[in-house]
């Protein structure tokens, strides 16, 4: 597996999703990733620390330029908990859970992120502004309502299928509701 190519692919995908999602500094991007799927294997069956390291380097490179916060989703053995920097946990007011992700319970990507962050913490639930799913890991439960698909140009990293989403505020109201900001002259009274 060409780790340099994987790193370049993830850089391009993250850059494009950040742009298409209009992700602002401090907003949250959730990453779900199966390193097994990147290698062309069945999810959860062939995790790779080397692939996780290449992906992490690429994600961090874009994060350092764009200023978004990142959460790495663990596998289902940890109920898809998420690895974040403690500063992010505190800023968003989340509750920490006690677990240390390892490749066999948490997944290679989350385990690697946990060891690389300055002060890693694990949380159970978040509401991210955007997300990237590498290898069909099902990140939807960690996105704000309403999730809107984003179609990155690169649809595969290694051998893993890539999907992405941004979020938008809910549209509420009825037939008289207006969703674009514009001056109005009528009132509801």
N, C-alpha and C. Protein backbone atom coordinates (compact mmCIF):
# COMPACT_ATOMS: atom_id res chain seq x y z
N UNK A 1 0.84 -1.18 0.00
CA UNK A 1 0.00 0.00 0.00
C UNK A 1 0.89 1.24 0.00
N UNK A 2 0.57 2.19 -0.84
CA UNK A 2 1.34 3.42 -1.00
C UNK A 2 0.86 4.45 0.03
N UNK A 3 1.56 4.54 1.15
CA UNK A 3 1.16 5.44 2.24
C UNK A 3 1.23 6.91 1.84
N UNK A 4 2.16 7.27 0.98
CA UNK A 4 2.25 8.65 0.51
C UNK A 4 1.00 9.00 -0.30
N UNK A 5 0.56 8.08 -1.15
CA UNK A 5 -0.66 8.32 -1.94
C UNK A 5 -1.88 8.44 -1.04
N UNK A 6 -1.96 7.60 -0.01
CA UNK A 6 -3.08 7.67 0.94
C UNK A 6 -3.10 9.03 1.63
N UNK A 7 -1.94 9.48 2.08
CA UNK A 7 -1.85 10.78 2.75
C UNK A 7 -2.29 11.90 1.81
N UNK A 8 -1.85 11.86 0.58
CA UNK A 8 -2.23 12.88 -0.40
C UNK A 8 -3.74 12.84 -0.68
N UNK A 9 -4.30 11.63 -0.80
CA UNK A 9 -5.74 11.50 -1.05
C UNK A 9 -6.55 12.10 0.10
N UNK A 10 -6.18 11.79 1.33
CA UNK A 10 -6.95 12.30 2.46
C UNK A 10 -6.81 13.81 2.58
N UNK A 11 -5.64 14.35 2.26
CA UNK A 11 -5.47 15.81 2.27
C UNK A 11 -6.45 16.44 1.30
N UNK A 12 -6.52 15.92 0.08
CA UNK A 12 -7.42 16.48 -0.93
C UNK A 12 -8.88 16.37 -0.51
N UNK A 13 -9.27 15.21 0.04
CA UNK A 13 -10.66 15.03 0.46
C UNK A 13 -11.00 16.00 1.60
N UNK A 14 -10.14 16.09 2.60
CA UNK A 14 -10.43 16.97 3.74
C UNK A 14 -10.49 18.43 3.29
N UNK A 15 -9.54 18.86 2.46
CA UNK A 15 -9.56 20.23 1.95
C UNK A 15 -10.88 20.52 1.24
N UNK A 16 -11.29 19.60 0.39
CA UNK A 16 -12.50 19.82 -0.40
C UNK A 16 -13.75 19.83 0.50
N UNK A 17 -13.83 18.92 1.44
CA UNK A 17 -14.99 18.88 2.33
C UNK A 17 -15.04 20.13 3.21
N UNK A 18 -13.90 20.57 3.71
CA UNK A 18 -13.86 21.80 4.50
C UNK A 18 -14.37 22.97 3.66
N UNK A 19 -13.93 23.05 2.41
CA UNK A 19 -14.36 24.13 1.52
C UNK A 19 -15.86 24.03 1.21
N UNK A 20 -16.31 22.85 0.77
CA UNK A 20 -17.72 22.67 0.40
C UNK A 20 -18.66 22.83 1.59
N UNK A 21 -18.18 22.50 2.77
CA UNK A 21 -19.00 22.61 3.99
C UNK A 21 -18.93 24.00 4.60
N UNK A 22 -18.03 24.83 4.09
CA UNK A 22 -17.80 26.16 4.65
C UNK A 22 -17.50 26.05 6.15
N UNK A 23 -16.69 25.05 6.49
CA UNK A 23 -16.32 24.80 7.88
C UNK A 23 -15.43 25.93 8.38
N UNK A 24 -15.82 26.52 9.49
CA UNK A 24 -15.11 27.67 10.06
C UNK A 24 -14.14 27.21 11.14
N UNK A 25 -13.14 28.03 11.42
CA UNK A 25 -12.23 27.69 12.53
C UNK A 25 -13.01 27.44 13.81
N UNK A 26 -12.64 26.38 14.51
CA UNK A 26 -13.31 26.02 15.75
C UNK A 26 -14.50 25.10 15.58
N UNK A 27 -15.08 25.04 14.37
CA UNK A 27 -16.17 24.11 14.14
C UNK A 27 -15.62 22.69 14.08
N UNK A 28 -16.52 21.73 14.17
CA UNK A 28 -16.12 20.34 14.37
C UNK A 28 -16.33 19.47 13.14
N UNK A 29 -15.28 18.73 12.79
CA UNK A 29 -15.31 17.74 11.71
C UNK A 29 -15.15 16.37 12.35
N UNK A 30 -16.09 15.47 12.12
CA UNK A 30 -15.97 14.10 12.61
C UNK A 30 -15.40 13.24 11.49
N UNK A 31 -14.46 12.37 11.86
CA UNK A 31 -13.83 11.44 10.92
C UNK A 31 -14.13 10.02 11.40
N UNK A 32 -14.75 9.24 10.54
CA UNK A 32 -14.89 7.81 10.77
C UNK A 32 -14.00 7.11 9.76
N UNK A 33 -13.25 6.11 10.19
CA UNK A 33 -12.30 5.51 9.26
C UNK A 33 -12.03 4.05 9.59
N UNK A 34 -12.11 3.21 8.58
CA UNK A 34 -11.68 1.83 8.68
C UNK A 34 -10.38 1.68 7.90
N UNK A 35 -9.28 1.49 8.63
CA UNK A 35 -8.01 1.28 7.93
C UNK A 35 -8.03 -0.06 7.20
N UNK A 36 -8.82 -1.00 7.68
CA UNK A 36 -8.98 -2.27 6.97
C UNK A 36 -9.55 -2.04 5.58
N UNK A 37 -10.59 -1.22 5.49
CA UNK A 37 -11.22 -0.93 4.20
C UNK A 37 -10.25 -0.17 3.29
N UNK A 38 -9.44 0.72 3.85
CA UNK A 38 -8.44 1.42 3.04
C UNK A 38 -7.51 0.40 2.39
N UNK A 39 -7.21 -0.68 3.10
CA UNK A 39 -6.35 -1.75 2.57
C UNK A 39 -7.09 -2.72 1.66
N UNK A 40 -8.38 -2.52 1.48
CA UNK A 40 -9.17 -3.41 0.63
C UNK A 40 -9.66 -4.65 1.34
N UNK A 41 -9.62 -4.63 2.65
CA UNK A 41 -10.06 -5.77 3.47
C UNK A 41 -11.42 -5.45 4.10
N UNK A 42 -12.01 -6.44 4.75
CA UNK A 42 -13.30 -6.27 5.42
C UNK A 42 -13.12 -5.41 6.66
N UNK A 43 -14.06 -4.49 6.89
CA UNK A 43 -13.99 -3.58 8.04
C UNK A 43 -13.77 -4.37 9.33
N UNK A 44 -12.81 -3.92 10.12
CA UNK A 44 -12.53 -4.54 11.41
C UNK A 44 -11.66 -5.78 11.36
N UNK A 45 -11.16 -6.16 10.21
CA UNK A 45 -10.42 -7.42 10.08
C UNK A 45 -8.94 -7.28 9.81
N UNK A 46 -8.46 -6.09 9.41
CA UNK A 46 -7.05 -5.97 9.04
C UNK A 46 -6.53 -4.57 9.33
N UNK A 47 -6.83 -4.05 10.51
CA UNK A 47 -6.42 -2.70 10.87
C UNK A 47 -4.94 -2.48 10.69
N UNK A 48 -4.56 -1.24 10.41
CA UNK A 48 -3.17 -0.92 10.13
C UNK A 48 -2.76 0.37 10.84
N UNK A 49 -1.76 0.26 11.70
CA UNK A 49 -1.21 1.44 12.37
C UNK A 49 -0.54 2.37 11.35
N UNK A 50 0.09 1.80 10.34
CA UNK A 50 0.79 2.60 9.33
C UNK A 50 -0.20 3.42 8.50
N UNK A 51 -1.31 2.79 8.11
CA UNK A 51 -2.35 3.51 7.35
C UNK A 51 -2.95 4.60 8.23
N UNK A 52 -3.23 4.27 9.50
CA UNK A 52 -3.78 5.27 10.43
C UNK A 52 -2.84 6.47 10.55
N UNK A 53 -1.54 6.21 10.64
CA UNK A 53 -0.56 7.30 10.76
C UNK A 53 -0.57 8.18 9.52
N UNK A 54 -0.63 7.58 8.34
CA UNK A 54 -0.66 8.36 7.09
C UNK A 54 -1.92 9.21 7.01
N UNK A 55 -3.05 8.63 7.36
CA UNK A 55 -4.32 9.37 7.34
C UNK A 55 -4.28 10.51 8.36
N UNK A 56 -3.79 10.23 9.53
CA UNK A 56 -3.73 11.24 10.59
C UNK A 56 -2.85 12.42 10.16
N UNK A 57 -1.70 12.13 9.58
CA UNK A 57 -0.82 13.20 9.10
C UNK A 57 -1.55 14.10 8.10
N UNK A 58 -2.27 13.49 7.18
CA UNK A 58 -2.99 14.26 6.17
C UNK A 58 -4.11 15.10 6.78
N UNK A 59 -4.86 14.51 7.67
CA UNK A 59 -5.96 15.23 8.32
C UNK A 59 -5.41 16.40 9.13
N UNK A 60 -4.36 16.14 9.91
CA UNK A 60 -3.76 17.20 10.74
C UNK A 60 -3.16 18.31 9.89
N UNK A 61 -2.61 18.00 8.75
CA UNK A 61 -2.04 19.03 7.87
C UNK A 61 -3.11 20.04 7.47
N UNK A 62 -4.29 19.54 7.11
CA UNK A 62 -5.38 20.44 6.72
C UNK A 62 -5.95 21.15 7.96
N UNK A 63 -6.06 20.42 9.06
CA UNK A 63 -6.56 21.02 10.30
C UNK A 63 -5.67 22.19 10.72
N UNK A 64 -4.37 22.01 10.63
CA UNK A 64 -3.44 23.07 11.03
C UNK A 64 -3.62 24.31 10.17
N UNK A 65 -3.98 24.15 8.89
CA UNK A 65 -4.20 25.29 8.00
C UNK A 65 -5.56 25.94 8.20
N UNK A 66 -6.58 25.12 8.47
CA UNK A 66 -7.96 25.61 8.49
C UNK A 66 -8.50 25.92 9.87
N UNK A 67 -7.95 25.32 10.91
CA UNK A 67 -8.36 25.65 12.27
C UNK A 67 -9.61 24.97 12.79
N UNK A 68 -10.14 23.98 12.08
CA UNK A 68 -11.30 23.26 12.58
C UNK A 68 -10.87 22.29 13.69
N UNK A 69 -11.82 21.89 14.51
CA UNK A 69 -11.59 20.86 15.51
C UNK A 69 -11.94 19.51 14.88
N UNK A 70 -11.32 18.44 15.36
CA UNK A 70 -11.57 17.12 14.77
C UNK A 70 -11.90 16.11 15.87
N UNK A 71 -12.81 15.21 15.52
CA UNK A 71 -13.17 14.09 16.40
C UNK A 71 -13.02 12.82 15.58
N UNK A 72 -12.34 11.83 16.15
CA UNK A 72 -12.12 10.55 15.47
C UNK A 72 -13.03 9.51 16.09
N UNK A 73 -13.91 8.95 15.27
CA UNK A 73 -14.87 7.97 15.75
C UNK A 73 -14.21 6.61 15.99
N UNK A 74 -14.49 6.03 17.13
CA UNK A 74 -14.06 4.67 17.44
C UNK A 74 -15.00 3.67 16.75
N UNK A 75 -14.63 2.40 16.78
CA UNK A 75 -15.47 1.36 16.20
C UNK A 75 -16.61 0.99 17.14
N UNK A 76 -17.45 0.08 16.70
CA UNK A 76 -18.64 -0.28 17.49
C UNK A 76 -18.31 -0.97 18.80
N UNK A 77 -17.10 -1.49 18.96
CA UNK A 77 -16.73 -2.12 20.22
C UNK A 77 -16.66 -1.11 21.36
N UNK A 78 -16.51 0.16 21.01
CA UNK A 78 -16.57 1.25 22.00
C UNK A 78 -17.80 2.12 21.74
N UNK A 79 -18.82 1.51 21.13
CA UNK A 79 -20.09 2.19 20.87
C UNK A 79 -19.93 3.47 20.05
N UNK A 80 -18.93 3.47 19.18
CA UNK A 80 -18.64 4.60 18.30
C UNK A 80 -18.36 5.90 19.08
N UNK A 81 -17.75 5.76 20.25
CA UNK A 81 -17.30 6.92 21.02
C UNK A 81 -16.28 7.67 20.17
N UNK A 82 -15.85 8.83 20.63
CA UNK A 82 -15.00 9.69 19.82
C UNK A 82 -13.80 10.21 20.60
N UNK A 83 -12.66 10.28 19.90
CA UNK A 83 -11.44 10.81 20.46
C UNK A 83 -11.33 12.27 20.06
N UNK A 84 -11.14 13.14 21.04
CA UNK A 84 -11.01 14.58 20.82
C UNK A 84 -9.91 15.13 21.73
N UNK A 85 -9.45 16.31 21.41
CA UNK A 85 -8.56 17.03 22.33
C UNK A 85 -9.38 17.47 23.54
N UNK A 86 -8.79 17.41 24.72
CA UNK A 86 -9.47 17.82 25.94
C UNK A 86 -10.00 19.25 25.83
N UNK A 87 -9.23 20.13 25.19
CA UNK A 87 -9.67 21.52 25.00
C UNK A 87 -11.00 21.57 24.25
N UNK A 88 -11.18 20.70 23.27
CA UNK A 88 -12.43 20.66 22.50
C UNK A 88 -13.56 20.13 23.38
N UNK A 89 -13.30 19.09 24.14
CA UNK A 89 -14.27 18.55 25.09
C UNK A 89 -14.76 19.66 26.02
N UNK A 90 -13.85 20.42 26.57
CA UNK A 90 -14.21 21.48 27.52
C UNK A 90 -14.96 22.61 26.83
N UNK A 91 -14.52 23.00 25.62
CA UNK A 91 -15.18 24.09 24.90
C UNK A 91 -16.63 23.77 24.58
N UNK A 92 -16.90 22.51 24.20
CA UNK A 92 -18.26 22.12 23.86
C UNK A 92 -19.07 21.62 25.06
N UNK A 93 -18.42 21.47 26.22
CA UNK A 93 -19.13 21.05 27.42
C UNK A 93 -19.54 19.59 27.44
N UNK A 94 -18.77 18.74 26.81
CA UNK A 94 -19.09 17.31 26.76
C UNK A 94 -18.60 16.60 28.01
N UNK A 95 -19.19 15.44 28.27
CA UNK A 95 -18.75 14.59 29.37
C UNK A 95 -17.75 13.57 28.86
N UNK A 96 -16.65 13.43 29.58
CA UNK A 96 -15.63 12.44 29.23
C UNK A 96 -16.06 11.06 29.70
N UNK A 97 -15.70 10.03 28.94
CA UNK A 97 -15.88 8.64 29.36
C UNK A 97 -14.51 8.02 29.56
N UNK A 98 -14.46 6.98 30.38
CA UNK A 98 -13.18 6.35 30.72
C UNK A 98 -12.92 5.14 29.84
N UNK A 99 -12.07 5.32 28.86
CA UNK A 99 -11.63 4.24 28.00
C UNK A 99 -10.43 4.72 27.21
N UNK A 100 -9.55 3.81 26.88
CA UNK A 100 -8.41 4.11 26.02
C UNK A 100 -8.58 3.27 24.76
N UNK A 101 -8.83 3.91 23.62
CA UNK A 101 -8.98 3.14 22.38
C UNK A 101 -7.68 2.43 22.01
N UNK A 102 -7.82 1.18 21.60
CA UNK A 102 -6.71 0.38 21.09
C UNK A 102 -7.16 -0.19 19.75
N UNK A 103 -6.24 -0.66 18.92
CA UNK A 103 -6.65 -1.13 17.60
C UNK A 103 -7.76 -2.19 17.62
N UNK A 104 -7.78 -3.07 18.62
CA UNK A 104 -8.78 -4.14 18.65
C UNK A 104 -10.07 -3.74 19.36
N UNK A 105 -10.10 -2.58 19.98
CA UNK A 105 -11.32 -2.06 20.61
C UNK A 105 -11.26 -0.54 20.52
N UNK A 106 -11.74 -0.05 19.43
CA UNK A 106 -11.69 1.38 19.14
C UNK A 106 -11.28 1.61 17.70
N UNK A 107 -10.41 0.73 17.20
CA UNK A 107 -9.96 0.83 15.82
C UNK A 107 -8.60 1.51 15.71
N UNK A 108 -7.88 1.17 14.66
CA UNK A 108 -6.53 1.69 14.47
C UNK A 108 -6.49 3.21 14.35
N UNK A 109 -7.47 3.79 13.66
CA UNK A 109 -7.46 5.24 13.47
C UNK A 109 -7.68 5.97 14.79
N UNK A 110 -8.70 5.60 15.54
CA UNK A 110 -8.97 6.25 16.83
C UNK A 110 -7.83 6.00 17.82
N UNK A 111 -7.29 4.79 17.83
CA UNK A 111 -6.19 4.46 18.73
C UNK A 111 -4.97 5.32 18.40
N UNK A 112 -4.68 5.48 17.12
CA UNK A 112 -3.54 6.31 16.73
C UNK A 112 -3.78 7.77 17.11
N UNK A 113 -4.97 8.29 16.82
CA UNK A 113 -5.29 9.68 17.17
C UNK A 113 -5.12 9.90 18.67
N UNK A 114 -5.56 8.95 19.46
CA UNK A 114 -5.48 9.06 20.92
C UNK A 114 -4.02 9.23 21.37
N UNK A 115 -3.11 8.51 20.72
CA UNK A 115 -1.71 8.60 21.11
C UNK A 115 -1.01 9.85 20.57
N UNK A 116 -1.58 10.47 19.54
CA UNK A 116 -0.93 11.61 18.89
C UNK A 116 -1.40 12.97 19.42
N UNK A 117 -2.58 13.02 19.98
CA UNK A 117 -3.11 14.30 20.46
C UNK A 117 -2.36 14.75 21.70
N UNK A 118 -2.31 16.07 21.89
CA UNK A 118 -1.61 16.64 23.06
C UNK A 118 -2.22 16.14 24.36
N UNK A 119 -3.55 16.19 24.45
CA UNK A 119 -4.26 15.79 25.67
C UNK A 119 -5.58 15.17 25.24
N UNK A 120 -5.52 13.92 24.81
CA UNK A 120 -6.69 13.24 24.26
C UNK A 120 -7.70 12.89 25.34
N UNK A 121 -8.96 12.91 24.93
CA UNK A 121 -10.07 12.50 25.78
C UNK A 121 -11.07 11.76 24.90
N UNK A 122 -11.94 10.98 25.53
CA UNK A 122 -12.96 10.24 24.78
C UNK A 122 -14.33 10.67 25.27
N UNK A 123 -15.22 10.92 24.33
CA UNK A 123 -16.61 11.30 24.62
C UNK A 123 -17.54 10.34 23.90
N UNK A 124 -18.78 10.26 24.38
CA UNK A 124 -19.76 9.37 23.76
C UNK A 124 -20.54 10.00 22.62
N UNK A 125 -20.88 11.27 22.76
CA UNK A 125 -21.79 11.90 21.80
C UNK A 125 -21.29 13.28 21.43
N UNK A 126 -21.43 13.62 20.16
CA UNK A 126 -21.13 14.96 19.67
C UNK A 126 -22.17 15.31 18.61
N UNK A 127 -22.14 16.56 18.19
CA UNK A 127 -22.94 17.02 17.06
C UNK A 127 -22.02 17.84 16.18
N UNK A 128 -21.38 17.18 15.23
CA UNK A 128 -20.39 17.82 14.38
C UNK A 128 -21.04 18.62 13.26
N UNK A 129 -20.31 19.62 12.79
CA UNK A 129 -20.77 20.47 11.71
C UNK A 129 -20.59 19.82 10.34
N UNK A 130 -19.67 18.88 10.24
CA UNK A 130 -19.40 18.18 8.98
C UNK A 130 -18.71 16.86 9.32
N UNK A 131 -18.66 15.96 8.34
CA UNK A 131 -18.02 14.69 8.59
C UNK A 131 -17.52 14.02 7.33
N UNK A 132 -16.53 13.17 7.52
CA UNK A 132 -15.99 12.35 6.43
C UNK A 132 -15.97 10.91 6.92
N UNK A 133 -16.52 10.04 6.11
CA UNK A 133 -16.59 8.62 6.43
C UNK A 133 -15.73 7.86 5.41
N UNK A 134 -14.66 7.27 5.89
CA UNK A 134 -13.73 6.53 5.04
C UNK A 134 -13.91 5.05 5.33
N UNK A 135 -14.59 4.35 4.45
CA UNK A 135 -14.79 2.92 4.64
C UNK A 135 -16.12 2.54 5.24
N UNK A 136 -17.13 3.39 5.09
CA UNK A 136 -18.51 3.07 5.50
C UNK A 136 -18.62 2.72 6.98
N UNK A 137 -18.12 3.61 7.84
CA UNK A 137 -18.12 3.39 9.28
C UNK A 137 -19.35 3.96 9.98
N UNK A 138 -20.20 4.65 9.26
CA UNK A 138 -21.48 5.17 9.78
C UNK A 138 -21.29 6.27 10.82
N UNK A 139 -20.99 7.47 10.33
CA UNK A 139 -20.76 8.62 11.21
C UNK A 139 -22.02 9.46 11.46
N UNK A 140 -23.11 9.14 10.81
CA UNK A 140 -24.31 9.98 10.85
C UNK A 140 -24.82 10.31 12.23
N UNK A 141 -24.63 9.39 13.18
CA UNK A 141 -25.11 9.63 14.53
C UNK A 141 -24.37 10.77 15.23
N UNK A 142 -23.26 11.21 14.65
CA UNK A 142 -22.46 12.26 15.27
C UNK A 142 -22.53 13.59 14.51
N UNK A 143 -23.50 13.73 13.61
CA UNK A 143 -23.66 14.97 12.86
C UNK A 143 -24.86 15.75 13.38
N UNK A 144 -24.76 17.08 13.33
CA UNK A 144 -25.90 17.92 13.67
C UNK A 144 -27.03 17.64 12.68
N UNK A 145 -28.24 17.96 13.09
CA UNK A 145 -29.36 17.93 12.16
C UNK A 145 -29.34 19.25 11.41
N UNK A 146 -29.42 19.32 10.19
CA UNK A 146 -29.76 18.34 9.18
C UNK A 146 -28.52 18.05 8.36
N UNK A 147 -28.20 16.78 8.15
CA UNK A 147 -27.03 16.40 7.36
C UNK A 147 -27.36 16.50 5.87
N UNK A 148 -26.42 17.05 5.12
CA UNK A 148 -26.56 17.22 3.67
C UNK A 148 -25.35 16.57 3.02
N UNK A 149 -25.55 15.64 2.07
CA UNK A 149 -24.40 15.00 1.44
C UNK A 149 -23.49 16.00 0.74
N UNK A 150 -22.20 15.75 0.84
CA UNK A 150 -21.17 16.50 0.12
C UNK A 150 -20.46 15.48 -0.75
N UNK A 151 -20.25 15.81 -1.99
CA UNK A 151 -19.64 14.87 -2.93
C UNK A 151 -18.21 15.27 -3.25
N UNK A 152 -17.24 14.76 -2.48
CA UNK A 152 -15.85 15.09 -2.82
C UNK A 152 -15.46 14.48 -4.17
N UNK A 153 -14.56 15.12 -4.85
CA UNK A 153 -14.09 14.62 -6.14
C UNK A 153 -13.46 13.25 -6.00
N UNK A 154 -12.65 13.08 -4.96
CA UNK A 154 -12.04 11.78 -4.69
C UNK A 154 -13.05 10.96 -3.89
N UNK A 155 -13.48 9.84 -4.42
CA UNK A 155 -14.51 9.02 -3.77
C UNK A 155 -13.94 7.76 -3.11
N UNK A 156 -12.61 7.56 -3.25
CA UNK A 156 -11.97 6.38 -2.69
C UNK A 156 -10.61 6.80 -2.12
N UNK A 157 -10.32 6.36 -0.90
CA UNK A 157 -8.99 6.52 -0.32
C UNK A 157 -8.44 5.11 -0.15
N UNK A 158 -7.32 4.84 -0.82
CA UNK A 158 -6.86 3.45 -0.89
C UNK A 158 -7.95 2.67 -1.60
N UNK A 159 -8.53 1.69 -0.91
CA UNK A 159 -9.63 0.91 -1.46
C UNK A 159 -10.96 1.24 -0.77
N UNK A 160 -10.96 2.21 0.14
CA UNK A 160 -12.15 2.51 0.95
C UNK A 160 -13.05 3.55 0.30
N UNK A 161 -14.33 3.27 0.29
CA UNK A 161 -15.35 4.19 -0.17
C UNK A 161 -15.38 5.41 0.75
N UNK A 162 -15.50 6.61 0.17
CA UNK A 162 -15.53 7.84 0.95
C UNK A 162 -16.87 8.55 0.73
N UNK A 163 -17.51 8.91 1.84
CA UNK A 163 -18.70 9.76 1.79
C UNK A 163 -18.46 10.92 2.75
N UNK A 164 -19.19 11.98 2.56
CA UNK A 164 -19.02 13.15 3.41
C UNK A 164 -20.35 13.88 3.53
N UNK A 165 -20.43 14.72 4.55
CA UNK A 165 -21.64 15.50 4.77
C UNK A 165 -21.31 16.81 5.45
N UNK A 166 -22.13 17.78 5.19
CA UNK A 166 -22.12 19.04 5.94
C UNK A 166 -23.46 19.10 6.66
N UNK A 167 -23.65 20.07 7.48
CA UNK A 167 -24.95 20.21 8.14
C UNK A 167 -25.48 21.61 7.90
N UNK A 168 -26.77 21.76 8.09
CA UNK A 168 -27.42 23.06 7.97
C UNK A 168 -28.49 23.15 9.05
N UNK A 169 -28.91 24.37 9.40
CA UNK A 169 -30.00 24.49 10.36
C UNK A 169 -31.29 23.88 9.80
N UNK A 170 -32.14 23.42 10.70
CA UNK A 170 -33.44 22.88 10.28
C UNK A 170 -34.28 24.00 9.67
N UNK A 171 -35.05 23.65 8.65
CA UNK A 171 -36.02 24.58 8.08
C UNK A 171 -37.34 24.34 8.82
N UNK A 172 -37.82 25.36 9.51
CA UNK A 172 -39.06 25.19 10.25
C UNK A 172 -40.11 26.16 9.72
N UNK A 173 -41.34 25.89 10.00
CA UNK A 173 -42.41 26.78 9.56
C UNK A 173 -43.31 26.08 8.58
N UNK A 174 -44.10 26.83 7.90
CA UNK A 174 -45.06 26.29 6.95
C UNK A 174 -45.00 27.05 5.66
N UNK A 175 -46.15 27.14 5.01
CA UNK A 175 -46.24 27.75 3.69
C UNK A 175 -45.81 29.21 3.69
N UNK A 176 -45.95 29.91 4.83
CA UNK A 176 -45.60 31.33 4.89
C UNK A 176 -44.15 31.57 5.34
N UNK A 177 -43.45 30.52 5.68
CA UNK A 177 -42.08 30.68 6.19
C UNK A 177 -41.15 31.16 5.09
N UNK A 178 -40.17 31.95 5.49
CA UNK A 178 -39.14 32.46 4.58
C UNK A 178 -37.80 31.96 5.11
N UNK A 179 -36.96 31.47 4.24
CA UNK A 179 -35.70 30.88 4.65
C UNK A 179 -34.48 31.71 4.28
N UNK A 180 -34.63 32.67 3.40
CA UNK A 180 -33.53 33.54 3.01
C UNK A 180 -33.72 34.88 3.70
N UNK A 181 -32.64 35.49 4.18
CA UNK A 181 -32.73 36.80 4.82
C UNK A 181 -33.04 37.86 3.76
N UNK A 182 -34.14 38.54 3.98
CA UNK A 182 -34.54 39.63 3.09
C UNK A 182 -35.49 40.54 3.86
N UNK A 183 -35.51 41.80 3.54
CA UNK A 183 -36.44 42.70 4.24
C UNK A 183 -37.87 42.31 3.93
N UNK A 184 -38.75 42.35 4.93
CA UNK A 184 -40.16 42.05 4.73
C UNK A 184 -40.98 43.26 5.11
N UNK A 185 -42.15 43.38 4.49
CA UNK A 185 -43.02 44.50 4.79
C UNK A 185 -44.28 44.06 5.50
N UNK A 186 -44.63 42.78 5.46
CA UNK A 186 -45.83 42.27 6.13
C UNK A 186 -45.50 41.76 7.51
N UNK A 187 -46.48 41.79 8.37
CA UNK A 187 -46.31 41.22 9.71
C UNK A 187 -47.32 40.11 9.91
N UNK A 188 -47.12 39.33 10.96
CA UNK A 188 -48.00 38.21 11.27
C UNK A 188 -49.21 38.64 12.09
N UNK A 189 -49.31 39.91 12.48
CA UNK A 189 -50.42 40.33 13.35
C UNK A 189 -51.64 40.68 12.58
